[in-house]
Amino acid sequence: MQEAYVIGNITIKDKVKWAEYRSKVLETISPWGGEIVFRGQKLKNLSGETKHLDNVIIRFPTQQALDNWFSSGAYQALIPIRELAADIDLTSYQSSI
């Protein structure tokens, strides 16, 4: 089975709401075998452009686990908070190594 990843590119709009979202999101990831492997801020663009300053990478054991997490009631309940807290581009990827 190939691992799957979610990469989130983030611009925070409301720090209080963002802290609330971050305090709750991990408990929605763990039941699906997911883990946050990177969370950080952009240092500089080495090539091209990006509009977001923050990033997160979440690893799941399979694409199905990732899909189950994203569609779960627990995560869907956090989306309204997320939308108030930040502008986020979320993209899923399947590992090719």
Protein backbone atom coordinates (compact mmCIF):
# COMPACT_ATOMS: atom_id res chain seq x y z
CA MET A 1 0.00 0.00 0.00
CA GLN A 2 1.17 3.48 -0.81
CA GLU A 3 1.08 6.26 1.71
CA ALA A 4 -0.98 9.35 0.97
CA TYR A 5 -0.33 12.91 2.03
CA VAL A 6 -2.30 16.09 2.52
CA ILE A 7 -0.40 19.29 1.91
CA GLY A 8 -2.01 22.42 3.25
CA ASN A 9 -0.91 25.89 2.19
CA ILE A 10 -2.24 28.36 4.72
CA THR A 11 -2.77 32.07 5.28
CA ILE A 12 -4.06 32.76 8.78
CA LYS A 13 -6.89 35.32 9.04
CA ASP A 14 -7.86 34.97 12.72
CA LYS A 15 -5.22 33.75 15.18
CA VAL A 16 -7.73 32.87 17.90
CA LYS A 17 -9.89 30.77 15.57
CA TRP A 18 -6.75 29.20 14.09
CA ALA A 19 -5.57 28.16 17.56
CA GLU A 20 -9.01 26.63 18.19
CA TYR A 21 -8.88 24.69 14.90
CA ARG A 22 -5.33 23.45 15.51
CA SER A 23 -6.22 22.31 19.03
CA LYS A 24 -8.96 20.06 17.63
CA VAL A 25 -7.71 18.82 14.26
CA LEU A 26 -5.16 16.26 15.51
CA GLU A 27 -7.85 14.23 17.27
CA THR A 28 -9.63 13.89 13.89
CA ILE A 29 -6.47 12.65 12.15
CA SER A 30 -5.27 10.01 14.62
CA PRO A 31 -8.18 7.54 14.23
CA TRP A 32 -7.30 7.17 10.55
CA GLY A 33 -3.62 6.48 11.17
CA GLY A 34 -2.64 9.98 10.15
CA GLU A 35 0.18 12.04 11.57
CA ILE A 36 1.46 15.54 11.08
CA VAL A 37 4.96 15.24 9.64
CA PHE A 38 5.66 18.92 9.06
CA ARG A 39 4.23 22.23 10.15
CA GLY A 40 6.09 25.45 9.46
CA GLN A 41 6.41 28.87 7.91
CA LYS A 42 7.88 29.85 4.57
CA LEU A 43 11.41 31.19 4.67
CA LYS A 44 11.65 32.31 1.03
CA ASN A 45 10.65 31.26 -2.46
CA LEU A 46 13.45 29.42 -4.21
CA SER A 47 11.51 29.17 -7.46
CA GLY A 48 8.09 30.39 -8.50
CA GLU A 49 5.57 32.10 -6.28
CA THR A 50 3.22 31.15 -3.47
CA LYS A 51 0.56 33.23 -1.80
CA HIS A 52 0.60 31.36 1.53
CA LEU A 53 3.09 31.69 4.38
CA ASP A 54 2.32 28.57 6.44
CA ASN A 55 2.31 24.90 5.46
CA VAL A 56 1.37 21.55 6.91
CA ILE A 57 2.01 18.02 5.65
CA ILE A 58 -0.09 15.16 7.01
CA ARG A 59 0.73 11.51 6.22
CA PHE A 60 -1.87 8.73 6.08
CA PRO A 61 -1.21 5.01 5.55
CA THR A 62 -3.44 4.90 2.44
CA GLN A 63 -5.48 7.14 0.18
CA GLN A 64 -8.62 5.50 1.60
CA ALA A 65 -7.62 6.48 5.14
CA LEU A 66 -7.04 10.05 3.96
CA ASP A 67 -10.43 10.14 2.22
CA ASN A 68 -12.13 8.66 5.29
CA TRP A 69 -10.53 11.33 7.50
CA PHE A 70 -11.54 14.19 5.22
CA SER A 71 -15.15 13.02 4.92
CA SER A 72 -15.49 12.05 8.60
CA GLY A 73 -18.06 13.86 10.70
CA ALA A 74 -15.36 14.88 13.15
CA TYR A 75 -13.31 16.69 10.49
CA GLN A 76 -16.30 18.09 8.62
CA ALA A 77 -17.44 19.70 11.89
CA LEU A 78 -14.16 21.66 12.00
CA ILE A 79 -14.43 23.09 8.49
CA PRO A 80 -16.56 26.12 9.52
CA ILE A 81 -13.92 27.03 12.12
CA ARG A 82 -11.15 26.48 9.56
CA GLU A 83 -12.86 28.74 7.04
CA LEU A 84 -13.15 31.55 9.58
CA ALA A 85 -9.56 31.02 10.73
CA ALA A 86 -7.61 30.83 7.49
CA ASP A 87 -7.50 30.65 3.73
CA ILE A 88 -6.26 27.13 3.00
CA ASP A 89 -5.48 25.19 -0.15
CA LEU A 90 -5.57 21.45 0.67
CA THR A 91 -4.27 18.94 -1.85
CA SER A 92 -3.90 15.18 -1.49
CA TYR A 93 -0.98 13.26 -2.98
CA GLN A 94 -0.11 9.59 -3.27
CA SER A 95 3.48 8.65 -2.54
CA SER A 96 5.43 7.44 -5.56
CA ILE A 97 8.55 6.26 -3.73
